[in-house]
Amino acid sequence: MLPKYCSEMNDIETEWLQLKTHEIAGRMFDNEYDLAIAVMDGMSSRSEQGGYTLERLKFNSA
C-alpha cells in the first residue's frame, strides 16, 4: 500500500523542483501573473530541452 502522500513517487514534484531550481530560481515577481508567465515559459523551455510535447490546459474557475 502506498502512503497518502509521497512526493518522491509523484512525477510532478520532481518536475516542479527542477523548474524552481533551474528556471525561476533567484527571481522576484511583482505579482501572480508574472510568476505564472515565468512558470509557463520555464515549462516550455524544459519541454524543448527534454524533447517532449507540452500541452496547456485552461480550467474555468467561474
C-alpha atoms as a PDB file:
ATOM      1  CA  MET A   1       0.000   0.000   0.000  1.00  0.00           C
ATOM      2  CA  LEU A   2       1.257   3.483  -0.876  1.00  0.00           C
ATOM      3  CA  PRO A   3       1.354   6.251   1.712  1.00  0.00           C
ATOM      4  CA  LYS A   4      -1.267   9.006   1.393  1.00  0.00           C
ATOM      5  CA  TYR A   5       1.370  11.412   0.096  1.00  0.00           C
ATOM      6  CA  CYS A   6       4.811  10.530  -1.142  1.00  0.00           C
ATOM      7  CA  SER A   7       6.484  13.326  -3.107  1.00  0.00           C
ATOM      8  CA  GLU A   8       9.285  11.022  -4.270  1.00  0.00           C
ATOM      9  CA  MET A   9       6.742   8.945  -6.186  1.00  0.00           C
ATOM     10  CA  ASN A  10       4.913  11.890  -7.752  1.00  0.00           C
ATOM     11  CA  ASP A  11       6.493  12.870 -11.087  1.00  0.00           C
ATOM     12  CA  ILE A  12       5.105  16.408 -10.970  1.00  0.00           C
ATOM     13  CA  GLU A  13       7.029  17.058  -7.740  1.00  0.00           C
ATOM     14  CA  THR A  14      10.300  16.236  -9.488  1.00  0.00           C
ATOM     15  CA  GLU A  15       9.376  18.492 -12.396  1.00  0.00           C
ATOM     16  CA  TRP A  16       8.380  21.320 -10.051  1.00  0.00           C
ATOM     17  CA  LEU A  17      11.702  21.014  -8.181  1.00  0.00           C
ATOM     18  CA  GLN A  18      13.642  21.225 -11.451  1.00  0.00           C
ATOM     19  CA  LEU A  19      11.565  24.205 -12.578  1.00  0.00           C
ATOM     20  CA  LYS A  20      12.173  26.056  -9.308  1.00  0.00           C
ATOM     21  CA  THR A  21      15.870  25.190  -9.267  1.00  0.00           C
ATOM     22  CA  HIS A  22      16.761  25.925 -12.884  1.00  0.00           C
ATOM     23  CA  GLU A  23      14.140  28.168 -14.442  1.00  0.00           C
ATOM     24  CA  ILE A  24      12.878  30.602 -11.807  1.00  0.00           C
ATOM     25  CA  ALA A  25      15.486  30.418  -9.035  1.00  0.00           C
ATOM     26  CA  GLY A  26      16.568  33.740  -7.600  1.00  0.00           C
ATOM     27  CA  ARG A  27      13.880  35.746  -9.346  1.00  0.00           C
ATOM     28  CA  MET A  28      11.353  38.058  -7.720  1.00  0.00           C
ATOM     29  CA  PHE A  29       7.909  38.653  -9.176  1.00  0.00           C
ATOM     30  CA  ASP A  30       5.724  41.727  -8.797  1.00  0.00           C
ATOM     31  CA  ASN A  31       2.502  39.753  -8.941  1.00  0.00           C
ATOM     32  CA  GLU A  32       0.973  36.317  -9.527  1.00  0.00           C
ATOM     33  CA  TYR A  33       0.583  36.965 -13.250  1.00  0.00           C
ATOM     34  CA  ASP A  34       4.333  37.493 -13.714  1.00  0.00           C
ATOM     35  CA  LEU A  35       5.006  34.301 -11.741  1.00  0.00           C
ATOM     36  CA  ALA A  36       2.511  32.376 -13.873  1.00  0.00           C
ATOM     37  CA  ILE A  37       4.157  33.621 -17.095  1.00  0.00           C
ATOM     38  CA  ALA A  38       7.604  32.625 -15.763  1.00  0.00           C
ATOM     39  CA  VAL A  39       6.326  29.139 -14.879  1.00  0.00           C
ATOM     40  CA  MET A  40       4.777  28.697 -18.345  1.00  0.00           C
ATOM     41  CA  ASP A  41       7.965  29.927 -20.041  1.00  0.00           C
ATOM     42  CA  GLY A  42      10.059  27.624 -17.857  1.00  0.00           C
ATOM     43  CA  MET A  43       7.890  24.623 -18.677  1.00  0.00           C
ATOM     44  CA  SER A  44       8.126  25.422 -22.390  1.00  0.00           C
ATOM     45  CA  SER A  45      11.907  25.629 -22.122  1.00  0.00           C
ATOM     46  CA  ARG A  46      12.118  22.331 -20.225  1.00  0.00           C
ATOM     47  CA  SER A  47       9.867  20.578 -22.736  1.00  0.00           C
ATOM     48  CA  GLU A  48      12.070  21.733 -25.619  1.00  0.00           C
ATOM     49  CA  GLN A  49      15.224  20.592 -23.808  1.00  0.00           C
ATOM     50  CA  GLY A  50      13.642  17.265 -22.881  1.00  0.00           C
ATOM     51  CA  GLY A  51      12.151  16.645 -26.306  1.00  0.00           C
ATOM     52  CA  TYR A  52       8.578  16.236 -25.127  1.00  0.00           C
ATOM     53  CA  THR A  53       5.329  17.945 -26.057  1.00  0.00           C
ATOM     54  CA  LEU A  54       3.776  20.351 -23.618  1.00  0.00           C
ATOM     55  CA  GLU A  55       0.030  20.901 -23.587  1.00  0.00           C
ATOM     56  CA  ARG A  56      -1.534  23.788 -21.722  1.00  0.00           C
ATOM     57  CA  LEU A  57      -4.925  23.219 -20.163  1.00  0.00           C
ATOM     58  CA  LYS A  58      -7.270  26.000 -19.155  1.00  0.00           C
ATOM     59  CA  PHE A  59      -9.830  25.447 -16.432  1.00  0.00           C
ATOM     60  CA  ASN A  60     -12.928  27.542 -15.952  1.00  0.00           C
ATOM     61  CA  SER A  61     -12.939  28.935 -12.437  1.00  0.00           C
ATOM     62  CA  ALA A  62     -16.279  30.686 -12.607  1.00  0.00           C
END
